[in-house]
Amino acid sequence: MKKVAVIVTDRQQEALRMAVGLTLADGKVSVFIMDNKVEPGEMNDLNLETLRDMDAEIYSNVPDSRLQLVSTDEIASRLADYDAVIPY
């Protein structure tokens, strides 16, 4: 099973939608939302819910009650474990 990390910095809605699409492939998807809270909105909420339903892991380096908080250094060290890292 391939492990894919999606690094979300800009265009959150598009990045989260792409991450949802990646869950349809045979692999494990993790999403790392960097330096910002998730922007409020129906589509972002739906994409986060879908990612959770598809067993994707969702992390952030900014405190947000909906996401698991990890430091930037911890994110950097975790990325070495992935087969593909997609910055968005």
PDB file of N, CA and C in Angstrom:
ATOM      1  N   MET A   1       0.845  -1.174   0.000  1.00  0.00           N
ATOM      2  CA  MET A   1       0.000   0.000   0.000  1.00  0.00           C
ATOM      3  C   MET A   1       0.893   1.240   0.000  1.00  0.00           C
ATOM      4  N   LYS A   2       0.627   2.133  -0.924  1.00  0.00           N
ATOM      5  CA  LYS A   2       1.384   3.383  -0.994  1.00  0.00           C
ATOM      6  C   LYS A   2       0.828   4.385  -0.001  1.00  0.00           C
ATOM      7  N   LYS A   3       1.745   5.185   0.546  1.00  0.00           N
ATOM      8  CA  LYS A   3       1.362   6.250   1.471  1.00  0.00           C
ATOM      9  C   LYS A   3       1.582   7.589   0.773  1.00  0.00           C
ATOM     10  N   VAL A   4       0.528   8.415   0.775  1.00  0.00           N
ATOM     11  CA  VAL A   4       0.575   9.713   0.109  1.00  0.00           C
ATOM     12  C   VAL A   4       0.275  10.802   1.129  1.00  0.00           C
ATOM     13  N   ALA A   5       1.117  11.829   1.134  1.00  0.00           N
ATOM     14  CA  ALA A   5       0.899  12.994   1.992  1.00  0.00           C
ATOM     15  C   ALA A   5       0.523  14.178   1.111  1.00  0.00           C
ATOM     16  N   VAL A   6      -0.493  14.915   1.531  1.00  0.00           N
ATOM     17  CA  VAL A   6      -0.893  16.136   0.840  1.00  0.00           C
ATOM     18  C   VAL A   6      -0.608  17.299   1.790  1.00  0.00           C
ATOM     19  N   ILE A   7       0.257  18.218   1.343  1.00  0.00           N
ATOM     20  CA  ILE A   7       0.612  19.389   2.128  1.00  0.00           C
ATOM     21  C   ILE A   7      -0.254  20.547   1.642  1.00  0.00           C
ATOM     22  N   VAL A   8      -1.118  21.064   2.509  1.00  0.00           N
ATOM     23  CA  VAL A   8      -2.060  22.117   2.132  1.00  0.00           C
ATOM     24  C   VAL A   8      -1.548  23.452   2.656  1.00  0.00           C
ATOM     25  N   THR A   9      -1.205  24.347   1.728  1.00  0.00           N
ATOM     26  CA  THR A   9      -0.784  25.691   2.125  1.00  0.00           C
ATOM     27  C   THR A   9      -1.724  26.749   1.549  1.00  0.00           C
ATOM     28  N   ASP A  10      -2.031  26.628   0.286  1.00  0.00           N
ATOM     29  CA  ASP A  10      -2.917  27.582  -0.393  1.00  0.00           C
ATOM     30  C   ASP A  10      -4.092  26.818  -0.993  1.00  0.00           C
ATOM     31  N   ARG A  11      -5.091  27.540  -1.396  1.00  0.00           N
ATOM     32  CA  ARG A  11      -6.260  26.953  -2.069  1.00  0.00           C
ATOM     33  C   ARG A  11      -6.764  25.714  -1.341  1.00  0.00           C
ATOM     34  N   GLN A  12      -7.126  25.902  -0.093  1.00  0.00           N
ATOM     35  CA  GLN A  12      -7.530  24.781   0.758  1.00  0.00           C
ATOM     36  C   GLN A  12      -8.629  23.941   0.150  1.00  0.00           C
ATOM     37  N   GLN A  13      -9.652  24.582  -0.385  1.00  0.00           N
ATOM     38  CA  GLN A  13     -10.784  23.825  -0.912  1.00  0.00           C
ATOM     39  C   GLN A  13     -10.339  22.888  -2.028  1.00  0.00           C
ATOM     40  N   GLU A  14      -9.501  23.367  -2.942  1.00  0.00           N
ATOM     41  CA  GLU A  14      -9.018  22.526  -4.036  1.00  0.00           C
ATOM     42  C   GLU A  14      -8.120  21.410  -3.517  1.00  0.00           C
ATOM     43  N   ALA A  15      -7.264  21.733  -2.566  1.00  0.00           N
ATOM     44  CA  ALA A  15      -6.340  20.744  -2.016  1.00  0.00           C
ATOM     45  C   ALA A  15      -7.092  19.636  -1.283  1.00  0.00           C
ATOM     46  N   LEU A  16      -8.090  20.012  -0.499  1.00  0.00           N
ATOM     47  CA  LEU A  16      -8.871  19.011   0.224  1.00  0.00           C
ATOM     48  C   LEU A  16      -9.678  18.146  -0.736  1.00  0.00           C
ATOM     49  N   ARG A  17     -10.218  18.757  -1.781  1.00  0.00           N
ATOM     50  CA  ARG A  17     -10.957  17.985  -2.788  1.00  0.00           C
ATOM     51  C   ARG A  17     -10.030  16.987  -3.477  1.00  0.00           C
ATOM     52  N   MET A  18      -8.807  17.421  -3.799  1.00  0.00           N
ATOM     53  CA  MET A  18      -7.845  16.518  -4.426  1.00  0.00           C
ATOM     54  C   MET A  18      -7.495  15.373  -3.476  1.00  0.00           C
ATOM     55  N   ALA A  19      -7.337  15.678  -2.185  1.00  0.00           N
ATOM     56  CA  ALA A  19      -7.023  14.640  -1.205  1.00  0.00           C
ATOM     57  C   ALA A  19      -8.155  13.617  -1.130  1.00  0.00           C
ATOM     58  N   VAL A  20      -9.382  14.079  -1.202  1.00  0.00           N
ATOM     59  CA  VAL A  20     -10.522  13.156  -1.216  1.00  0.00           C
ATOM     60  C   VAL A  20     -10.411  12.231  -2.423  1.00  0.00           C
ATOM     61  N   GLY A  21     -10.081  12.782  -3.580  1.00  0.00           N
ATOM     62  CA  GLY A  21      -9.933  11.961  -4.777  1.00  0.00           C
ATOM     63  C   GLY A  21      -8.826  10.915  -4.630  1.00  0.00           C
ATOM     64  N   LEU A  22      -7.760  11.267  -3.935  1.00  0.00           N
ATOM     65  CA  LEU A  22      -6.659  10.326  -3.737  1.00  0.00           C
ATOM     66  C   LEU A  22      -7.058   9.142  -2.862  1.00  0.00           C
ATOM     67  N   THR A  23      -8.087   9.317  -2.027  1.00  0.00           N
ATOM     68  CA  THR A  23      -8.517   8.207  -1.176  1.00  0.00           C
ATOM     69  C   THR A  23      -9.137   7.080  -2.003  1.00  0.00           C
ATOM     70  N   LEU A  24      -9.523   7.369  -3.240  1.00  0.00           N
ATOM     71  CA  LEU A  24     -10.122   6.349  -4.098  1.00  0.00           C
ATOM     72  C   LEU A  24      -9.081   5.399  -4.668  1.00  0.00           C
ATOM     73  N   ALA A  25      -7.814   5.816  -4.659  1.00  0.00           N
ATOM     74  CA  ALA A  25      -6.733   4.931  -5.098  1.00  0.00           C
ATOM     75  C   ALA A  25      -6.418   3.969  -3.956  1.00  0.00           C
ATOM     76  N   ASP A  26      -5.694   2.935  -4.270  1.00  0.00           N
ATOM     77  CA  ASP A  26      -5.359   1.940  -3.251  1.00  0.00           C
ATOM     78  C   ASP A  26      -4.141   2.417  -2.470  1.00  0.00           C
ATOM     79  N   GLY A  27      -4.381   3.165  -1.407  1.00  0.00           N
ATOM     80  CA  GLY A  27      -3.288   3.683  -0.599  1.00  0.00           C
ATOM     81  C   GLY A  27      -3.801   4.394   0.629  1.00  0.00           C
ATOM     82  N   LYS A  28      -2.881   4.915   1.407  1.00  0.00           N
ATOM     83  CA  LYS A  28      -3.214   5.646   2.624  1.00  0.00           C
ATOM     84  C   LYS A  28      -2.907   7.110   2.396  1.00  0.00           C
ATOM     85  N   VAL A  29      -3.863   7.980   2.712  1.00  0.00           N
ATOM     86  CA  VAL A  29      -3.718   9.418   2.496  1.00  0.00           C
ATOM     87  C   VAL A  29      -3.671  10.124   3.841  1.00  0.00           C
ATOM     88  N   SER A  30      -2.692  11.015   3.963  1.00  0.00           N
ATOM     89  CA  SER A  30      -2.607  11.900   5.124  1.00  0.00           C
ATOM     90  C   SER A  30      -2.577  13.327   4.613  1.00  0.00           C
ATOM     91  N   VAL A  31      -3.258  14.210   5.323  1.00  0.00           N
ATOM     92  CA  VAL A  31      -3.341  15.615   4.935  1.00  0.00           C
ATOM     93  C   VAL A  31      -2.696  16.443   6.039  1.00  0.00           C
ATOM     94  N   PHE A  32      -1.812  17.353   5.635  1.00  0.00           N
ATOM     95  CA  PHE A  32      -1.139  18.242   6.570  1.00  0.00           C
ATOM     96  C   PHE A  32      -1.497  19.668   6.195  1.00  0.00           C
ATOM     97  N   ILE A  33      -2.314  20.314   7.015  1.00  0.00           N
ATOM     98  CA  ILE A  33      -2.733  21.692   6.757  1.00  0.00           C
ATOM     99  C   ILE A  33      -1.761  22.603   7.487  1.00  0.00           C
ATOM    100  N   MET A  34      -1.038  23.406   6.706  1.00  0.00           N
ATOM    101  CA  MET A  34       0.082  24.168   7.235  1.00  0.00           C
ATOM    102  C   MET A  34      -0.241  25.649   7.423  1.00  0.00           C
ATOM    103  N   ASP A  35       0.108  26.147   8.593  1.00  0.00           N
ATOM    104  CA  ASP A  35       0.176  27.583   8.899  1.00  0.00           C
ATOM    105  C   ASP A  35      -1.156  28.329   8.897  1.00  0.00           C
ATOM    106  N   ASN A  36      -2.276  27.639   8.733  1.00  0.00           N
ATOM    107  CA  ASN A  36      -3.595  28.279   8.761  1.00  0.00           C
ATOM    108  C   ASN A  36      -4.622  27.312   9.303  1.00  0.00           C
ATOM    109  N   LYS A  37      -5.658  27.865   9.919  1.00  0.00           N
ATOM    110  CA  LYS A  37      -6.813  27.038  10.259  1.00  0.00           C
ATOM    111  C   LYS A  37      -7.573  26.743   8.974  1.00  0.00           C
ATOM    112  N   VAL A  38      -8.401  25.723   9.024  1.00  0.00           N
ATOM    113  CA  VAL A  38      -9.240  25.416   7.865  1.00  0.00           C
ATOM    114  C   VAL A  38     -10.237  26.552   7.680  1.00  0.00           C
ATOM    115  N   GLU A  39     -10.288  27.050   6.461  1.00  0.00           N
ATOM    116  CA  GLU A  39     -11.214  28.132   6.151  1.00  0.00           C
ATOM    117  C   GLU A  39     -12.644  27.634   6.299  1.00  0.00           C
ATOM    118  N   PRO A  40     -13.516  28.438   6.927  1.00  0.00           N
ATOM    119  CA  PRO A  40     -14.904  27.999   7.074  1.00  0.00           C
ATOM    120  C   PRO A  40     -15.603  27.928   5.718  1.00  0.00           C
ATOM    121  N   GLY A  41     -16.471  26.967   5.601  1.00  0.00           N
ATOM    122  CA  GLY A  41     -17.230  26.838   4.361  1.00  0.00           C
ATOM    123  C   GLY A  41     -17.778  25.438   4.212  1.00  0.00           C
ATOM    124  N   GLU A  42     -18.878  25.350   3.502  1.00  0.00           N
ATOM    125  CA  GLU A  42     -19.574  24.080   3.328  1.00  0.00           C
ATOM    126  C   GLU A  42     -18.698  23.033   2.636  1.00  0.00           C
ATOM    127  N   MET A  43     -17.967  23.422   1.595  1.00  0.00           N
ATOM    128  CA  MET A  43     -17.154  22.467   0.855  1.00  0.00           C
ATOM    129  C   MET A  43     -15.978  21.954   1.691  1.00  0.00           C
ATOM    130  N   ASN A  44     -15.326  22.840   2.426  1.00  0.00           N
ATOM    131  CA  ASN A  44     -14.225  22.383   3.287  1.00  0.00           C
ATOM    132  C   ASN A  44     -14.743  21.439   4.367  1.00  0.00           C
ATOM    133  N   ASP A  45     -15.887  21.763   4.939  1.00  0.00           N
ATOM    134  CA  ASP A  45     -16.472  20.880   5.952  1.00  0.00           C
ATOM    135  C   ASP A  45     -16.808  19.510   5.361  1.00  0.00           C
ATOM    136  N   LEU A  46     -17.394  19.507   4.178  1.00  0.00           N
ATOM    137  CA  LEU A  46     -17.749  18.253   3.512  1.00  0.00           C
ATOM    138  C   LEU A  46     -16.489  17.444   3.182  1.00  0.00           C
ATOM    139  N   ASN A  47     -15.463  18.114   2.671  1.00  0.00           N
ATOM    140  CA  ASN A  47     -14.232  17.403   2.327  1.00  0.00           C
ATOM    141  C   ASN A  47     -13.555  16.823   3.571  1.00  0.00           C
ATOM    142  N   LEU A  48     -13.526  17.567   4.669  1.00  0.00           N
ATOM    143  CA  LEU A  48     -12.945  17.041   5.911  1.00  0.00           C
ATOM    144  C   LEU A  48     -13.722  15.821   6.401  1.00  0.00           C
ATOM    145  N   GLU A  49     -15.037  15.911   6.348  1.00  0.00           N
ATOM    146  CA  GLU A  49     -15.874  14.792   6.775  1.00  0.00           C
ATOM    147  C   GLU A  49     -15.633  13.565   5.891  1.00  0.00           C
ATOM    148  N   THR A  50     -15.549  13.787   4.593  1.00  0.00           N
ATOM    149  CA  THR A  50     -15.309  12.677   3.669  1.00  0.00           C
ATOM    150  C   THR A  50     -13.932  12.060   3.910  1.00  0.00           C
ATOM    151  N   LEU A  51     -12.928  12.889   4.116  1.00  0.00           N
ATOM    152  CA  LEU A  51     -11.590  12.371   4.400  1.00  0.00           C
ATOM    153  C   LEU A  51     -11.599  11.503   5.654  1.00  0.00           C
ATOM    154  N   ARG A  52     -12.291  11.948   6.671  1.00  0.00           N
ATOM    155  CA  ARG A  52     -12.383  11.139   7.899  1.00  0.00           C
ATOM    156  C   ARG A  52     -13.109   9.820   7.630  1.00  0.00           C
ATOM    157  N   ASP A  53     -14.188   9.890   6.855  1.00  0.00           N
ATOM    158  CA  ASP A  53     -14.934   8.674   6.522  1.00  0.00           C
ATOM    159  C   ASP A  53     -14.071   7.683   5.741  1.00  0.00           C
ATOM    160  N   MET A  54     -13.122   8.187   4.985  1.00  0.00           N
ATOM    161  CA  MET A  54     -12.232   7.338   4.181  1.00  0.00           C
ATOM    162  C   MET A  54     -10.952   6.987   4.946  1.00  0.00           C
ATOM    163  N   ASP A  55     -10.938   7.232   6.243  1.00  0.00           N
ATOM    164  CA  ASP A  55      -9.820   6.901   7.132  1.00  0.00           C
ATOM    165  C   ASP A  55      -8.535   7.649   6.829  1.00  0.00           C
ATOM    166  N   ALA A  56      -8.640   8.833   6.229  1.00  0.00           N
ATOM    167  CA  ALA A  56      -7.463   9.672   6.035  1.00  0.00           C
ATOM    168  C   ALA A  56      -7.108  10.330   7.366  1.00  0.00           C
ATOM    169  N   GLU A  57      -5.821  10.538   7.566  1.00  0.00           N
ATOM    170  CA  GLU A  57      -5.367  11.253   8.755  1.00  0.00           C
ATOM    171  C   GLU A  57      -5.236  12.723   8.388  1.00  0.00           C
ATOM    172  N   ILE A  58      -5.681  13.606   9.295  1.00  0.00           N
ATOM    173  CA  ILE A  58      -5.650  15.037   9.017  1.00  0.00           C
ATOM    174  C   ILE A  58      -4.946  15.729  10.174  1.00  0.00           C
ATOM    175  N   TYR A  59      -3.876  16.473   9.838  1.00  0.00           N
ATOM    176  CA  TYR A  59      -3.057  17.136  10.839  1.00  0.00           C
ATOM    177  C   TYR A  59      -2.939  18.624  10.514  1.00  0.00           C
ATOM    178  N   SER A  60      -2.563  19.396  11.526  1.00  0.00           N
ATOM    179  CA  SER A  60      -2.270  20.807  11.315  1.00  0.00           C
ATOM    180  C   SER A  60      -1.199  21.244  12.296  1.00  0.00           C
ATOM    181  N   ASN A  61      -0.421  22.249  11.900  1.00  0.00           N
ATOM    182  CA  ASN A  61       0.550  22.826  12.816  1.00  0.00           C
ATOM    183  C   ASN A  61       0.006  24.073  13.502  1.00  0.00           C
ATOM    184  N   VAL A  62      -1.280  24.338  13.313  1.00  0.00           N
ATOM    185  CA  VAL A  62      -1.979  25.457  13.952  1.00  0.00           C
ATOM    186  C   VAL A  62      -3.133  24.881  14.759  1.00  0.00           C
ATOM    187  N   PRO A  63      -3.296  25.309  16.013  1.00  0.00           N
ATOM    188  CA  PRO A  63      -4.396  24.765  16.815  1.00  0.00           C
ATOM    189  C   PRO A  63      -5.760  24.975  16.144  1.00  0.00           C
ATOM    190  N   ASP A  64      -6.473  23.884  15.964  1.00  0.00           N
ATOM    191  CA  ASP A  64      -7.821  23.888  15.387  1.00  0.00           C
ATOM    192  C   ASP A  64      -8.526  22.684  16.000  1.00  0.00           C
ATOM    193  N   SER A  65      -9.632  22.917  16.654  1.00  0.00           N
ATOM    194  CA  SER A  65     -10.294  21.853  17.410  1.00  0.00           C
ATOM    195  C   SER A  65     -10.713  20.666  16.540  1.00  0.00           C
ATOM    196  N   ARG A  66     -10.782  20.856  15.221  1.00  0.00           N
ATOM    197  CA  ARG A  66     -11.208  19.774  14.327  1.00  0.00           C
ATOM    198  C   ARG A  66     -10.058  18.905  13.845  1.00  0.00           C
ATOM    199  N   LEU A  67      -8.818  19.330  14.091  1.00  0.00           N
ATOM    200  CA  LEU A  67      -7.658  18.652  13.525  1.00  0.00           C
ATOM    201  C   LEU A  67      -6.673  18.245  14.612  1.00  0.00           C
ATOM    202  N   GLN A  68      -5.896  17.228  14.302  1.00  0.00           N
ATOM    203  CA  GLN A  68      -4.858  16.801  15.233  1.00  0.00           C
ATOM    204  C   GLN A  68      -3.669  17.743  15.099  1.00  0.00           C
ATOM    205  N   LEU A  69      -3.234  18.310  16.214  1.00  0.00           N
ATOM    206  CA  LEU A  69      -2.137  19.270  16.229  1.00  0.00           C
ATOM    207  C   LEU A  69      -0.795  18.547  16.280  1.00  0.00           C
ATOM    208  N   VAL A  70       0.097  18.896  15.359  1.00  0.00           N
ATOM    209  CA  VAL A  70       1.478  18.409  15.374  1.00  0.00           C
ATOM    210  C   VAL A  70       2.388  19.574  15.007  1.00  0.00           C
ATOM    211  N   SER A  71       3.590  19.554  15.530  1.00  0.00           N
ATOM    212  CA  SER A  71       4.524  20.642  15.261  1.00  0.00           C
ATOM    213  C   SER A  71       5.052  20.542  13.829  1.00  0.00           C
ATOM    214  N   THR A  72       5.574  21.648  13.343  1.00  0.00           N
ATOM    215  CA  THR A  72       6.159  21.670  12.010  1.00  0.00           C
ATOM    216  C   THR A  72       7.329  20.692  11.928  1.00  0.00           C
ATOM    217  N   ASP A  73       8.131  20.622  12.977  1.00  0.00           N
ATOM    218  CA  ASP A  73       9.257  19.681  12.990  1.00  0.00           C
ATOM    219  C   ASP A  73       8.776  18.236  12.927  1.00  0.00           C
ATOM    220  N   GLU A  74       7.695  17.928  13.631  1.00  0.00           N
ATOM    221  CA  GLU A  74       7.143  16.573  13.610  1.00  0.00           C
ATOM    222  C   GLU A  74       6.592  16.242  12.224  1.00  0.00           C
ATOM    223  N   ILE A  75       5.947  17.210  11.592  1.00  0.00           N
ATOM    224  CA  ILE A  75       5.449  16.992  10.233  1.00  0.00           C
ATOM    225  C   ILE A  75       6.616  16.688   9.302  1.00  0.00           C
ATOM    226  N   ALA A  76       7.671  17.469   9.395  1.00  0.00           N
ATOM    227  CA  ALA A  76       8.841  17.270   8.544  1.00  0.00           C
ATOM    228  C   ALA A  76       9.427  15.872   8.726  1.00  0.00           C
ATOM    229  N   SER A  77       9.504  15.407   9.954  1.00  0.00           N
ATOM    230  CA  SER A  77      10.075  14.080  10.177  1.00  0.00           C
ATOM    231  C   SER A  77       9.147  12.971   9.684  1.00  0.00           C
ATOM    232  N   ARG A  78       7.846  13.181   9.747  1.00  0.00           N
ATOM    233  CA  ARG A  78       6.888  12.171   9.272  1.00  0.00           C
ATOM    234  C   ARG A  78       6.895  12.030   7.752  1.00  0.00           C
ATOM    235  N   LEU A  79       7.185  13.107   7.048  1.00  0.00           N
ATOM    236  CA  LEU A  79       7.112  13.085   5.585  1.00  0.00           C
ATOM    237  C   LEU A  79       8.081  12.087   4.961  1.00  0.00           C
ATOM    238  N   ALA A  80       9.149  11.771   5.653  1.00  0.00           N
ATOM    239  CA  ALA A  80      10.118  10.815   5.115  1.00  0.00           C
ATOM    240  C   ALA A  80       9.513   9.410   4.973  1.00  0.00           C
ATOM    241  N   ASP A  81       8.409   9.145   5.677  1.00  0.00           N
ATOM    242  CA  ASP A  81       7.768   7.832   5.639  1.00  0.00           C
ATOM    243  C   ASP A  81       6.796   7.649   4.465  1.00  0.00           C
ATOM    244  N   TYR A  82       6.598   8.687   3.669  1.00  0.00           N
ATOM    245  CA  TYR A  82       5.606   8.625   2.591  1.00  0.00           C
ATOM    246  C   TYR A  82       6.243   8.293   1.245  1.00  0.00           C
ATOM    247  N   ASP A  83       5.503   7.586   0.413  1.00  0.00           N
ATOM    248  CA  ASP A  83       5.963   7.269  -0.930  1.00  0.00           C
ATOM    249  C   ASP A  83       5.862   8.481  -1.851  1.00  0.00           C
ATOM    250  N   ALA A  84       4.857   9.326  -1.606  1.00  0.00           N
ATOM    251  CA  ALA A  84       4.662  10.532  -2.403  1.00  0.00           C
ATOM    252  C   ALA A  84       4.216  11.668  -1.499  1.00  0.00           C
ATOM    253  N   VAL A  85       4.773  12.856  -1.734  1.00  0.00           N
ATOM    254  CA  VAL A  85       4.390  14.058  -0.988  1.00  0.00           C
ATOM    255  C   VAL A  85       3.953  15.082  -2.031  1.00  0.00           C
ATOM    256  N   ILE A  86       2.708  15.518  -1.912  1.00  0.00           N
ATOM    257  CA  ILE A  86       2.134  16.442  -2.892  1.00  0.00           C
ATOM    258  C   ILE A  86       1.888  17.788  -2.218  1.00  0.00           C
ATOM    259  N   PRO A  87       2.703  18.813  -2.552  1.00  0.00           N
ATOM    260  CA  PRO A  87       2.435  20.143  -2.003  1.00  0.00           C
ATOM    261  C   PRO A  87       1.322  20.815  -2.811  1.00  0.00           C
ATOM    262  N   TYR A  88       0.401  21.454  -2.136  1.00  0.00           N
ATOM    263  CA  TYR A  88      -0.679  22.123  -2.832  1.00  0.00           C
ATOM    264  C   TYR A  88      -0.837  23.505  -2.261  1.00  0.00           C
TER     265      TYR A  88
END
